[in-house]
Protein backbone atom coordinates (compact mmCIF):
# COMPACT_ATOMS: atom_id res chain seq x y z
CA UNK A 1 0.00 0.00 0.00
CA UNK A 2 1.40 3.39 -1.00
CA UNK A 3 1.54 6.33 1.42
CA UNK A 4 -1.02 8.23 -0.72
CA UNK A 5 -3.51 5.42 -0.09
CA UNK A 6 -3.36 5.84 3.68
CA UNK A 7 -4.30 8.50 6.20
CA UNK A 8 -2.83 9.08 9.62
CA UNK A 9 -5.36 9.93 12.34
CA UNK A 10 -3.87 11.26 15.57
CA UNK A 11 -5.69 11.10 18.91
CA UNK A 12 -5.67 13.65 21.74
CA UNK A 13 -2.87 11.69 23.43
CA UNK A 14 -0.80 11.62 20.23
CA UNK A 15 -1.45 7.97 19.32
CA UNK A 16 -1.34 7.49 15.54
CA UNK A 17 -3.66 5.27 13.53
CA UNK A 18 -2.65 4.71 9.92
CA UNK A 19 -5.70 3.53 8.01
CA UNK A 20 -6.78 3.03 4.44
CA UNK A 21 -7.86 6.33 2.86
CA UNK A 22 -11.08 4.68 1.60
CA UNK A 23 -11.97 3.81 5.20
CA UNK A 24 -11.24 7.34 6.44
CA UNK A 25 -13.49 8.76 3.70
CA UNK A 26 -16.49 7.18 5.47
CA UNK A 27 -16.35 10.36 7.57
CA UNK A 28 -17.69 13.43 5.78
CA UNK A 29 -15.56 15.65 8.03
CA UNK A 30 -12.33 13.80 7.25
CA UNK A 31 -13.24 13.68 3.55
CA UNK A 32 -13.69 17.47 3.55
CA UNK A 33 -10.37 17.98 5.36
CA UNK A 34 -8.48 15.77 2.91
CA UNK A 35 -10.05 17.08 -0.29
CA UNK A 36 -10.27 20.82 0.43
CA UNK A 37 -8.55 23.02 -2.10
CA UNK A 38 -5.58 24.94 -0.77
CA UNK A 39 -2.58 23.76 1.15
CA UNK A 40 -3.92 22.52 4.45
CA UNK A 41 -1.56 20.31 6.45
CA UNK A 42 -4.20 17.56 6.31
CA UNK A 43 -4.24 17.62 2.51
CA UNK A 44 -0.47 17.82 2.08
CA UNK A 45 0.55 15.23 4.67
CA UNK A 46 -2.51 13.00 4.84
CA UNK A 47 -2.66 13.56 8.61
CA UNK A 48 -5.56 14.66 10.77
CA UNK A 49 -5.17 15.45 14.46
CA UNK A 50 -8.17 15.25 16.78
CA UNK A 51 -7.28 17.10 20.02
CA UNK A 52 -10.73 16.29 21.50
CA UNK A 53 -10.88 12.58 20.65
CA UNK A 54 -9.22 10.08 22.98
CA UNK A 55 -7.20 7.11 21.73
CA UNK A 56 -9.87 4.61 22.86
CA UNK A 57 -12.59 6.43 20.95
CA UNK A 58 -10.49 7.03 17.83
CA UNK A 59 -9.59 3.34 17.73
CA UNK A 60 -13.29 2.43 17.83
CA UNK A 61 -14.01 4.97 15.10
CA UNK A 62 -11.31 3.40 12.88
CA UNK A 63 -12.89 -0.02 13.48
CA UNK A 64 -16.26 1.44 12.50
CA UNK A 65 -14.83 2.88 9.26
CA UNK A 66 -13.63 -0.58 8.18
CA UNK A 67 -16.84 -2.23 9.35
CA UNK A 68 -18.86 0.33 7.41
CA UNK A 69 -16.89 -0.32 4.20
CA UNK A 70 -17.22 -4.07 4.58
CA UNK A 71 -20.96 -4.06 5.26
CA UNK A 72 -22.04 -1.12 3.11
CA UNK A 73 -23.46 -3.70 0.71
CA UNK A 74 -26.48 -4.01 2.98
CA UNK A 75 -25.72 -7.16 4.94
CA UNK A 76 -27.10 -6.63 8.41
CA UNK A 77 -24.42 -7.12 11.01
CA UNK A 78 -24.10 -5.44 14.33
CA UNK A 79 -21.26 -3.13 15.23
CA UNK A 80 -20.55 -3.74 18.90
CA UNK A 81 -20.08 -0.71 21.14
CA UNK A 82 -19.05 -1.07 24.77
CA UNK A 83 -21.62 0.71 26.98
CA UNK A 84 -18.96 2.68 28.88
CA UNK A 85 -17.79 4.49 25.74
CA UNK A 86 -21.20 5.08 24.13
CA UNK A 87 -21.60 8.77 25.01
CA UNK A 88 -18.06 9.79 24.09
CA UNK A 89 -18.31 7.77 20.87
CA UNK A 90 -21.62 9.39 19.93
CA UNK A 91 -20.14 12.86 20.43
CA UNK A 92 -17.13 12.02 18.25
CA UNK A 93 -19.34 10.40 15.57
CA UNK A 94 -21.53 13.51 15.51
CA UNK A 95 -18.44 15.68 14.93
CA UNK A 96 -17.17 13.33 12.21
CA UNK A 97 -20.59 12.97 10.52
CA UNK A 98 -20.40 9.17 10.55
PDB file of N, CA and C in Angstrom:
ATOM      1  N   UNK A   1       0.840  -1.186   0.000  1.00  0.00           N
ATOM      2  CA  UNK A   1       0.000   0.000   0.000  1.00  0.00           C
ATOM      3  C   UNK A   1       0.885   1.251   0.000  1.00  0.00           C
ATOM      4  N   UNK A   2       0.610   2.165  -0.902  1.00  0.00           N
ATOM      5  CA  UNK A   2       1.396   3.387  -0.996  1.00  0.00           C
ATOM      6  C   UNK A   2       0.940   4.395   0.060  1.00  0.00           C
ATOM      7  N   UNK A   3       1.828   5.314   0.407  1.00  0.00           N
ATOM      8  CA  UNK A   3       1.538   6.332   1.416  1.00  0.00           C
ATOM      9  C   UNK A   3       0.294   7.159   1.038  1.00  0.00           C
ATOM     10  N   UNK A   4       0.134   7.430  -0.271  1.00  0.00           N
ATOM     11  CA  UNK A   4      -1.015   8.227  -0.722  1.00  0.00           C
ATOM     12  C   UNK A   4      -2.347   7.508  -0.476  1.00  0.00           C
ATOM     13  N   UNK A   5      -2.298   6.205  -0.295  1.00  0.00           N
ATOM     14  CA  UNK A   5      -3.511   5.417  -0.091  1.00  0.00           C
ATOM     15  C   UNK A   5      -3.895   5.312   1.382  1.00  0.00           C
ATOM     16  N   UNK A   6      -3.082   5.912   2.249  1.00  0.00           N
ATOM     17  CA  UNK A   6      -3.358   5.841   3.682  1.00  0.00           C
ATOM     18  C   UNK A   6      -3.511   7.235   4.274  1.00  0.00           C
ATOM     19  N   UNK A   7      -4.113   7.265   5.451  1.00  0.00           N
ATOM     20  CA  UNK A   7      -4.302   8.503   6.196  1.00  0.00           C
ATOM     21  C   UNK A   7      -3.868   8.236   7.624  1.00  0.00           C
ATOM     22  N   UNK A   8      -3.238   9.218   8.230  1.00  0.00           N
ATOM     23  CA  UNK A   8      -2.832   9.079   9.623  1.00  0.00           C
ATOM     24  C   UNK A   8      -3.786   9.920  10.482  1.00  0.00           C
ATOM     25  N   UNK A   9      -4.470   9.247  11.405  1.00  0.00           N
ATOM     26  CA  UNK A   9      -5.360   9.932  12.343  1.00  0.00           C
ATOM     27  C   UNK A   9      -4.674   9.942  13.697  1.00  0.00           C
ATOM     28  N   UNK A  10      -4.611  11.114  14.322  1.00  0.00           N
ATOM     29  CA  UNK A  10      -3.868  11.259  15.572  1.00  0.00           C
ATOM     30  C   UNK A  10      -4.821  11.659  16.700  1.00  0.00           C
ATOM     31  N   UNK A  11      -4.785  10.860  17.772  1.00  0.00           N
ATOM     32  CA  UNK A  11      -5.692  11.098  18.912  1.00  0.00           C
ATOM     33  C   UNK A  11      -5.181  12.229  19.797  1.00  0.00           C
ATOM     34  N   UNK A  12      -6.007  12.592  20.783  1.00  0.00           N
ATOM     35  CA  UNK A  12      -5.665  13.650  21.736  1.00  0.00           C
ATOM     36  C   UNK A  12      -4.351  13.355  22.452  1.00  0.00           C
ATOM     37  N   UNK A  13      -4.095  12.074  22.711  1.00  0.00           N
ATOM     38  CA  UNK A  13      -2.874  11.688  23.426  1.00  0.00           C
ATOM     39  C   UNK A  13      -1.673  11.519  22.492  1.00  0.00           C
ATOM     40  N   UNK A  14      -1.890  11.724  21.186  1.00  0.00           N
ATOM     41  CA  UNK A  14      -0.800  11.622  20.230  1.00  0.00           C
ATOM     42  C   UNK A  14      -0.619  10.238  19.623  1.00  0.00           C
ATOM     43  N   UNK A  15      -1.542   9.311  19.893  1.00  0.00           N
ATOM     44  CA  UNK A  15      -1.451   7.972  19.317  1.00  0.00           C
ATOM     45  C   UNK A  15      -1.859   8.054  17.850  1.00  0.00           C
ATOM     46  N   UNK A  16      -1.102   7.414  16.983  1.00  0.00           N
ATOM     47  CA  UNK A  16      -1.342   7.489  15.543  1.00  0.00           C
ATOM     48  C   UNK A  16      -1.952   6.209  14.998  1.00  0.00           C
ATOM     49  N   UNK A  17      -3.024   6.380  14.230  1.00  0.00           N
ATOM     50  CA  UNK A  17      -3.663   5.265  13.534  1.00  0.00           C
ATOM     51  C   UNK A  17      -3.477   5.511  12.050  1.00  0.00           C
ATOM     52  N   UNK A  18      -2.823   4.588  11.364  1.00  0.00           N
ATOM     53  CA  UNK A  18      -2.653   4.708   9.923  1.00  0.00           C
ATOM     54  C   UNK A  18      -3.654   3.756   9.289  1.00  0.00           C
ATOM     55  N   UNK A  19      -4.622   4.347   8.588  1.00  0.00           N
ATOM     56  CA  UNK A  19      -5.695   3.532   8.012  1.00  0.00           C
ATOM     57  C   UNK A  19      -5.819   3.801   6.509  1.00  0.00           C
ATOM     58  N   UNK A  20      -6.512   2.922   5.860  1.00  0.00           N
ATOM     59  CA  UNK A  20      -6.784   3.034   4.438  1.00  0.00           C
ATOM     60  C   UNK A  20      -7.579   4.317   4.187  1.00  0.00           C
ATOM     61  N   UNK A  21      -7.184   5.060   3.178  1.00  0.00           N
ATOM     62  CA  UNK A  21      -7.861   6.326   2.864  1.00  0.00           C
ATOM     63  C   UNK A  21      -9.345   6.101   2.568  1.00  0.00           C
ATOM     64  N   UNK A  22      -9.668   4.987   1.892  1.00  0.00           N
ATOM     65  CA  UNK A  22     -11.080   4.678   1.601  1.00  0.00           C
ATOM     66  C   UNK A  22     -11.884   4.560   2.882  1.00  0.00           C
ATOM     67  N   UNK A  23     -11.282   3.955   3.914  1.00  0.00           N
ATOM     68  CA  UNK A  23     -11.965   3.809   5.202  1.00  0.00           C
ATOM     69  C   UNK A  23     -12.172   5.171   5.850  1.00  0.00           C
ATOM     70  N   UNK A  24     -11.143   6.016   5.824  1.00  0.00           N
ATOM     71  CA  UNK A  24     -11.245   7.345   6.437  1.00  0.00           C
ATOM     72  C   UNK A  24     -12.323   8.191   5.765  1.00  0.00           C
ATOM     73  N   UNK A  25     -12.521   7.971   4.465  1.00  0.00           N
ATOM     74  CA  UNK A  25     -13.492   8.760   3.705  1.00  0.00           C
ATOM     75  C   UNK A  25     -14.945   8.442   4.094  1.00  0.00           C
ATOM     76  N   UNK A  26     -15.151   7.450   4.934  1.00  0.00           N
ATOM     77  CA  UNK A  26     -16.486   7.180   5.472  1.00  0.00           C
ATOM     78  C   UNK A  26     -16.961   8.428   6.228  1.00  0.00           C
ATOM     79  N   UNK A  27     -16.027   9.142   6.833  1.00  0.00           N
ATOM     80  CA  UNK A  27     -16.346  10.357   7.571  1.00  0.00           C
ATOM     81  C   UNK A  27     -16.395  11.554   6.630  1.00  0.00           C
ATOM     82  N   UNK A  28     -17.534  12.230   6.610  1.00  0.00           N
ATOM     83  CA  UNK A  28     -17.695  13.431   5.779  1.00  0.00           C
ATOM     84  C   UNK A  28     -16.695  14.507   6.213  1.00  0.00           C
ATOM     85  N   UNK A  29     -16.486  14.642   7.513  1.00  0.00           N
ATOM     86  CA  UNK A  29     -15.563  15.652   8.029  1.00  0.00           C
ATOM     87  C   UNK A  29     -14.133  15.385   7.551  1.00  0.00           C
ATOM     88  N   UNK A  30     -13.683  14.144   7.685  1.00  0.00           N
ATOM     89  CA  UNK A  30     -12.326  13.802   7.249  1.00  0.00           C
ATOM     90  C   UNK A  30     -12.215  13.956   5.734  1.00  0.00           C
ATOM     91  N   UNK A  31     -13.245  13.533   5.009  1.00  0.00           N
ATOM     92  CA  UNK A  31     -13.237  13.676   3.549  1.00  0.00           C
ATOM     93  C   UNK A  31     -13.056  15.148   3.174  1.00  0.00           C
ATOM     94  N   UNK A  32     -13.805  16.036   3.833  1.00  0.00           N
ATOM     95  CA  UNK A  32     -13.688  17.469   3.552  1.00  0.00           C
ATOM     96  C   UNK A  32     -12.277  17.981   3.855  1.00  0.00           C
ATOM     97  N   UNK A  33     -11.714  17.533   4.980  1.00  0.00           N
ATOM     98  CA  UNK A  33     -10.374  17.979   5.364  1.00  0.00           C
ATOM     99  C   UNK A  33      -9.330  17.539   4.340  1.00  0.00           C
ATOM    100  N   UNK A  34      -9.480  16.333   3.814  1.00  0.00           N
ATOM    101  CA  UNK A  34      -8.477  15.775   2.912  1.00  0.00           C
ATOM    102  C   UNK A  34      -8.642  16.219   1.465  1.00  0.00           C
ATOM    103  N   UNK A  35      -9.811  16.734   1.111  1.00  0.00           N
ATOM    104  CA  UNK A  35     -10.045  17.081  -0.291  1.00  0.00           C
ATOM    105  C   UNK A  35     -10.242  18.573  -0.500  1.00  0.00           C
ATOM    106  N   UNK A  36     -10.104  19.368   0.562  1.00  0.00           N
ATOM    107  CA  UNK A  36     -10.270  20.816   0.429  1.00  0.00           C
ATOM    108  C   UNK A  36      -9.189  21.402  -0.461  1.00  0.00           C
ATOM    109  N   UNK A  37      -9.582  22.356  -1.303  1.00  0.00           N
ATOM    110  CA  UNK A  37      -8.550  23.023  -2.100  1.00  0.00           C
ATOM    111  C   UNK A  37      -7.672  23.875  -1.179  1.00  0.00           C
ATOM    112  N   UNK A  38      -6.488  24.170  -1.620  1.00  0.00           N
ATOM    113  CA  UNK A  38      -5.582  24.942  -0.774  1.00  0.00           C
ATOM    114  C   UNK A  38      -4.571  24.014  -0.139  1.00  0.00           C
ATOM    115  N   UNK A  39      -3.654  24.597   0.592  1.00  0.00           N
ATOM    116  CA  UNK A  39      -2.581  23.762   1.148  1.00  0.00           C
ATOM    117  C   UNK A  39      -2.730  23.587   2.650  1.00  0.00           C
ATOM    118  N   UNK A  40      -3.743  22.853   3.041  1.00  0.00           N
ATOM    119  CA  UNK A  40      -3.915  22.518   4.451  1.00  0.00           C
ATOM    120  C   UNK A  40      -2.955  21.390   4.791  1.00  0.00           C
ATOM    121  N   UNK A  41      -2.479  21.374   6.009  1.00  0.00           N
ATOM    122  CA  UNK A  41      -1.561  20.308   6.448  1.00  0.00           C
ATOM    123  C   UNK A  41      -2.192  18.939   6.216  1.00  0.00           C
ATOM    124  N   UNK A  42      -3.502  18.835   6.484  1.00  0.00           N
ATOM    125  CA  UNK A  42      -4.198  17.557   6.311  1.00  0.00           C
ATOM    126  C   UNK A  42      -4.082  17.068   4.870  1.00  0.00           C
ATOM    127  N   UNK A  43      -4.287  17.981   3.925  1.00  0.00           N
ATOM    128  CA  UNK A  43      -4.243  17.617   2.509  1.00  0.00           C
ATOM    129  C   UNK A  43      -2.830  17.242   2.099  1.00  0.00           C
ATOM    130  N   UNK A  44      -1.856  18.041   2.498  1.00  0.00           N
ATOM    131  CA  UNK A  44      -0.470  17.818   2.081  1.00  0.00           C
ATOM    132  C   UNK A  44       0.145  16.565   2.684  1.00  0.00           C
ATOM    133  N   UNK A  45      -0.123  16.323   3.970  1.00  0.00           N
ATOM    134  CA  UNK A  45       0.554  15.230   4.669  1.00  0.00           C
ATOM    135  C   UNK A  45      -0.318  14.008   4.907  1.00  0.00           C
ATOM    136  N   UNK A  46      -1.622  14.124   4.599  1.00  0.00           N
ATOM    137  CA  UNK A  46      -2.513  13.002   4.843  1.00  0.00           C
ATOM    138  C   UNK A  46      -2.630  12.682   6.322  1.00  0.00           C
ATOM    139  N   UNK A  47      -2.569  13.721   7.155  1.00  0.00           N
ATOM    140  CA  UNK A  47      -2.663  13.557   8.609  1.00  0.00           C
ATOM    141  C   UNK A  47      -3.784  14.429   9.162  1.00  0.00           C
ATOM    142  N   UNK A  48      -4.532  13.878  10.095  1.00  0.00           N
ATOM    143  CA  UNK A  48      -5.562  14.662  10.765  1.00  0.00           C
ATOM    144  C   UNK A  48      -5.412  14.437  12.263  1.00  0.00           C
ATOM    145  N   UNK A  49      -5.302  15.538  13.011  1.00  0.00           N
ATOM    146  CA  UNK A  49      -5.173  15.455  14.461  1.00  0.00           C
ATOM    147  C   UNK A  49      -6.510  15.810  15.091  1.00  0.00           C
ATOM    148  N   UNK A  50      -6.913  15.017  16.081  1.00  0.00           N
ATOM    149  CA  UNK A  50      -8.171  15.248  16.785  1.00  0.00           C
ATOM    150  C   UNK A  50      -7.883  15.513  18.261  1.00  0.00           C
ATOM    151  N   UNK A  51      -7.643  16.781  18.639  1.00  0.00           N
ATOM    152  CA  UNK A  51      -7.283  17.098  20.024  1.00  0.00           C
ATOM    153  C   UNK A  51      -8.385  16.757  21.033  1.00  0.00           C
ATOM    154  N   UNK A  52      -9.626  16.589  20.571  1.00  0.00           N
ATOM    155  CA  UNK A  52     -10.726  16.286  21.501  1.00  0.00           C
ATOM    156  C   UNK A  52     -11.095  14.811  21.543  1.00  0.00           C
ATOM    157  N   UNK A  53     -10.473  13.987  20.717  1.00  0.00           N
ATOM    158  CA  UNK A  53     -10.877  12.579  20.651  1.00  0.00           C
ATOM    159  C   UNK A  53      -9.793  11.689  21.248  1.00  0.00           C
ATOM    160  N   UNK A  54     -10.179  10.942  22.282  1.00  0.00           N
ATOM    161  CA  UNK A  54      -9.222  10.077  22.980  1.00  0.00           C
ATOM    162  C   UNK A  54      -8.815   8.891  22.105  1.00  0.00           C
ATOM    163  N   UNK A  55      -7.718   8.266  22.470  1.00  0.00           N
ATOM    164  CA  UNK A  55      -7.197   7.115  21.733  1.00  0.00           C
ATOM    165  C   UNK A  55      -8.226   5.988  21.671  1.00  0.00           C
ATOM    166  N   UNK A  56      -8.866   5.695  22.797  1.00  0.00           N
ATOM    167  CA  UNK A  56      -9.866   4.610  22.859  1.00  0.00           C
ATOM    168  C   UNK A  56     -10.993   4.857  21.866  1.00  0.00           C
ATOM    169  N   UNK A  57     -11.472   6.092  21.825  1.00  0.00           N
ATOM    170  CA  UNK A  57     -12.590   6.430  20.948  1.00  0.00           C
ATOM    171  C   UNK A  57     -12.141   6.441  19.487  1.00  0.00           C
ATOM    172  N   UNK A  58     -10.975   6.992  19.214  1.00  0.00           N
ATOM    173  CA  UNK A  58     -10.491   7.034  17.834  1.00  0.00           C
ATOM    174  C   UNK A  58     -10.248   5.623  17.292  1.00  0.00           C
ATOM    175  N   UNK A  59      -9.776   4.734  18.151  1.00  0.00           N
ATOM    176  CA  UNK A  59      -9.586   3.345  17.730  1.00  0.00           C
ATOM    177  C   UNK A  59     -10.931   2.722  17.336  1.00  0.00           C
ATOM    178  N   UNK A  60     -11.955   2.966  18.125  1.00  0.00           N
ATOM    179  CA  UNK A  60     -13.290   2.429  17.833  1.00  0.00           C
ATOM    180  C   UNK A  60     -13.831   3.029  16.531  1.00  0.00           C
ATOM    181  N   UNK A  61     -13.563   4.305  16.321  1.00  0.00           N
ATOM    182  CA  UNK A  61     -14.008   4.973  15.099  1.00  0.00           C
ATOM    183  C   UNK A  61     -13.326   4.340  13.881  1.00  0.00           C
ATOM    184  N   UNK A  62     -12.033   4.060  13.982  1.00  0.00           N
ATOM    185  CA  UNK A  62     -11.313   3.402  12.876  1.00  0.00           C
ATOM    186  C   UNK A  62     -11.912   2.032  12.595  1.00  0.00           C
ATOM    187  N   UNK A  63     -12.246   1.298  13.649  1.00  0.00           N
ATOM    188  CA  UNK A  63     -12.890  -0.017  13.477  1.00  0.00           C
ATOM    189  C   UNK A  63     -14.221   0.145  12.759  1.00  0.00           C
ATOM    190  N   UNK A  64     -14.961   1.185  13.134  1.00  0.00           N
ATOM    191  CA  UNK A  64     -16.256   1.436  12.498  1.00  0.00           C
ATOM    192  C   UNK A  64     -16.085   1.743  11.006  1.00  0.00           C
ATOM    193  N   UNK A  65     -15.060   2.546  10.665  1.00  0.00           N
ATOM    194  CA  UNK A  65     -14.828   2.880   9.259  1.00  0.00           C
ATOM    195  C   UNK A  65     -14.669   1.611   8.425  1.00  0.00           C
ATOM    196  N   UNK A  66     -13.846   0.678   8.911  1.00  0.00           N
ATOM    197  CA  UNK A  66     -13.627  -0.578   8.179  1.00  0.00           C
ATOM    198  C   UNK A  66     -14.890  -1.431   8.158  1.00  0.00           C
ATOM    199  N   UNK A  67     -15.586  -1.478   9.275  1.00  0.00           N
ATOM    200  CA  UNK A  67     -16.844  -2.233   9.348  1.00  0.00           C
ATOM    201  C   UNK A  67     -17.838  -1.666   8.338  1.00  0.00           C
ATOM    202  N   UNK A  68     -17.923  -0.343   8.306  1.00  0.00           N
ATOM    203  CA  UNK A  68     -18.856   0.329   7.406  1.00  0.00           C
ATOM    204  C   UNK A  68     -18.541   0.014   5.941  1.00  0.00           C
ATOM    205  N   UNK A  69     -17.276   0.024   5.570  1.00  0.00           N
ATOM    206  CA  UNK A  69     -16.887  -0.323   4.203  1.00  0.00           C
ATOM    207  C   UNK A  69     -17.256  -1.760   3.872  1.00  0.00           C
ATOM    208  N   UNK A  70     -16.985  -2.642   4.805  1.00  0.00           N
ATOM    209  CA  UNK A  70     -17.224  -4.068   4.583  1.00  0.00           C
ATOM    210  C   UNK A  70     -18.706  -4.391   4.453  1.00  0.00           C
ATOM    211  N   UNK A  71     -19.536  -3.717   5.240  1.00  0.00           N
ATOM    212  CA  UNK A  71     -20.959  -4.062   5.261  1.00  0.00           C
ATOM    213  C   UNK A  71     -21.850  -3.041   4.574  1.00  0.00           C
ATOM    214  N   UNK A  72     -21.256  -2.126   3.826  1.00  0.00           N
ATOM    215  CA  UNK A  72     -22.043  -1.115   3.110  1.00  0.00           C
ATOM    216  C   UNK A  72     -22.960  -1.759   2.071  1.00  0.00           C
ATOM    217  N   UNK A  73     -22.664  -3.003   1.715  1.00  0.00           N
ATOM    218  CA  UNK A  73     -23.457  -3.699   0.706  1.00  0.00           C
ATOM    219  C   UNK A  73     -24.872  -4.027   1.196  1.00  0.00           C
ATOM    220  N   UNK A  74     -25.135  -3.797   2.485  1.00  0.00           N
ATOM    221  CA  UNK A  74     -26.482  -4.008   2.979  1.00  0.00           C
ATOM    222  C   UNK A  74     -26.648  -5.211   3.879  1.00  0.00           C
ATOM    223  N   UNK A  75     -25.608  -6.016   4.029  1.00  0.00           N
ATOM    224  CA  UNK A  75     -25.719  -7.156   4.935  1.00  0.00           C
ATOM    225  C   UNK A  75     -25.874  -6.632   6.356  1.00  0.00           C
ATOM    226  N   UNK A  76     -26.868  -7.102   7.038  1.00  0.00           N
ATOM    227  CA  UNK A  76     -27.099  -6.632   8.411  1.00  0.00           C
ATOM    228  C   UNK A  76     -26.184  -7.351   9.390  1.00  0.00           C
ATOM    229  N   UNK A  77     -25.288  -6.608   9.957  1.00  0.00           N
ATOM    230  CA  UNK A  77     -24.418  -7.125  11.009  1.00  0.00           C
ATOM    231  C   UNK A  77     -24.296  -6.028  12.040  1.00  0.00           C
ATOM    232  N   UNK A  78     -24.173  -6.425  13.265  1.00  0.00           N
ATOM    233  CA  UNK A  78     -24.096  -5.439  14.333  1.00  0.00           C
ATOM    234  C   UNK A  78     -22.678  -4.978  14.562  1.00  0.00           C
ATOM    235  N   UNK A  79     -22.553  -3.688  14.835  1.00  0.00           N
ATOM    236  CA  UNK A  79     -21.264  -3.127  15.225  1.00  0.00           C
ATOM    237  C   UNK A  79     -21.320  -2.972  16.738  1.00  0.00           C
ATOM    238  N   UNK A  80     -20.486  -3.726  17.440  1.00  0.00           N
ATOM    239  CA  UNK A  80     -20.546  -3.745  18.902  1.00  0.00           C
ATOM    240  C   UNK A  80     -19.888  -2.504  19.506  1.00  0.00           C
ATOM    241  N   UNK A  81     -20.610  -1.868  20.419  1.00  0.00           N
ATOM    242  CA  UNK A  81     -20.084  -0.706  21.140  1.00  0.00           C
ATOM    243  C   UNK A  81     -20.190  -0.980  22.631  1.00  0.00           C
ATOM    244  N   UNK A  82     -19.064  -0.864  23.324  1.00  0.00           N
ATOM    245  CA  UNK A  82     -19.050  -1.068  24.769  1.00  0.00           C
ATOM    246  C   UNK A  82     -19.853   0.055  25.427  1.00  0.00           C
ATOM    247  N   UNK A  83     -20.755  -0.293  26.362  1.00  0.00           N
ATOM    248  CA  UNK A  83     -21.621   0.715  26.983  1.00  0.00           C
ATOM    249  C   UNK A  83     -20.859   1.890  27.612  1.00  0.00           C
ATOM    250  N   UNK A  84     -19.686   1.609  28.178  1.00  0.00           N
ATOM    251  CA  UNK A  84     -18.961   2.677  28.877  1.00  0.00           C
ATOM    252  C   UNK A  84     -18.377   3.749  27.941  1.00  0.00           C
ATOM    253  N   UNK A  85     -18.324   3.472  26.651  1.00  0.00           N
ATOM    254  CA  UNK A  85     -17.794   4.489  25.736  1.00  0.00           C
ATOM    255  C   UNK A  85     -18.880   5.080  24.834  1.00  0.00           C
ATOM    256  N   UNK A  86     -20.117   4.683  25.027  1.00  0.00           N
ATOM    257  CA  UNK A  86     -21.201   5.083  24.131  1.00  0.00           C
ATOM    258  C   UNK A  86     -21.334   6.598  23.985  1.00  0.00           C
ATOM    259  N   UNK A  87     -21.389   7.324  25.079  1.00  0.00           N
ATOM    260  CA  UNK A  87     -21.603   8.766  25.011  1.00  0.00           C
ATOM    261  C   UNK A  87     -20.454   9.475  24.298  1.00  0.00           C
ATOM    262  N   UNK A  88     -19.227   9.159  24.709  1.00  0.00           N
ATOM    263  CA  UNK A  88     -18.061   9.788  24.087  1.00  0.00           C
ATOM    264  C   UNK A  88     -17.986   9.447  22.601  1.00  0.00           C
ATOM    265  N   UNK A  89     -18.323   8.210  22.263  1.00  0.00           N
ATOM    266  CA  UNK A  89     -18.306   7.767  20.868  1.00  0.00           C
ATOM    267  C   UNK A  89     -19.372   8.501  20.056  1.00  0.00           C
ATOM    268  N   UNK A  90     -20.544   8.681  20.623  1.00  0.00           N
ATOM    269  CA  UNK A  90     -21.618   9.393  19.929  1.00  0.00           C
ATOM    270  C   UNK A  90     -21.219  10.841  19.643  1.00  0.00           C
ATOM    271  N   UNK A  91     -20.568  11.484  20.616  1.00  0.00           N
ATOM    272  CA  UNK A  91     -20.142  12.864  20.433  1.00  0.00           C
ATOM    273  C   UNK A  91     -19.104  12.957  19.309  1.00  0.00           C
ATOM    274  N   UNK A  92     -18.160  12.031  19.289  1.00  0.00           N
ATOM    275  CA  UNK A  92     -17.134  12.019  18.248  1.00  0.00           C
ATOM    276  C   UNK A  92     -17.755  11.719  16.876  1.00  0.00           C
ATOM    277  N   UNK A  93     -18.679  10.766  16.833  1.00  0.00           N
ATOM    278  CA  UNK A  93     -19.335  10.398  15.574  1.00  0.00           C
ATOM    279  C   UNK A  93     -20.133  11.579  15.026  1.00  0.00           C
ATOM    280  N   UNK A  94     -20.766  12.328  15.921  1.00  0.00           N
ATOM    281  CA  UNK A  94     -21.527  13.508  15.509  1.00  0.00           C
ATOM    282  C   UNK A  94     -20.583  14.525  14.856  1.00  0.00           C
ATOM    283  N   UNK A  95     -19.428  14.745  15.473  1.00  0.00           N
ATOM    284  CA  UNK A  95     -18.437  15.676  14.931  1.00  0.00           C
ATOM    285  C   UNK A  95     -17.922  15.203  13.578  1.00  0.00           C
ATOM    286  N   UNK A  96     -17.726  13.894  13.444  1.00  0.00           N
ATOM    287  CA  UNK A  96     -17.167  13.332  12.215  1.00  0.00           C
ATOM    288  C   UNK A  96     -18.213  13.042  11.145  1.00  0.00           C
ATOM    289  N   UNK A  97     -19.503  13.253  11.468  1.00  0.00           N
ATOM    290  CA  UNK A  97     -20.588  12.966  10.525  1.00  0.00           C
ATOM    291  C   UNK A  97     -20.521  11.543  10.021  1.00  0.00           C
ATOM    292  N   UNK A  98     -20.437  10.574  10.969  1.00  0.00           N
ATOM    293  CA  UNK A  98     -20.395   9.170  10.555  1.00  0.00           C
ATOM    294  C   UNK A  98     -21.580   8.440  11.130  1.00  0.00           C
TER     295      UNK A  98
END
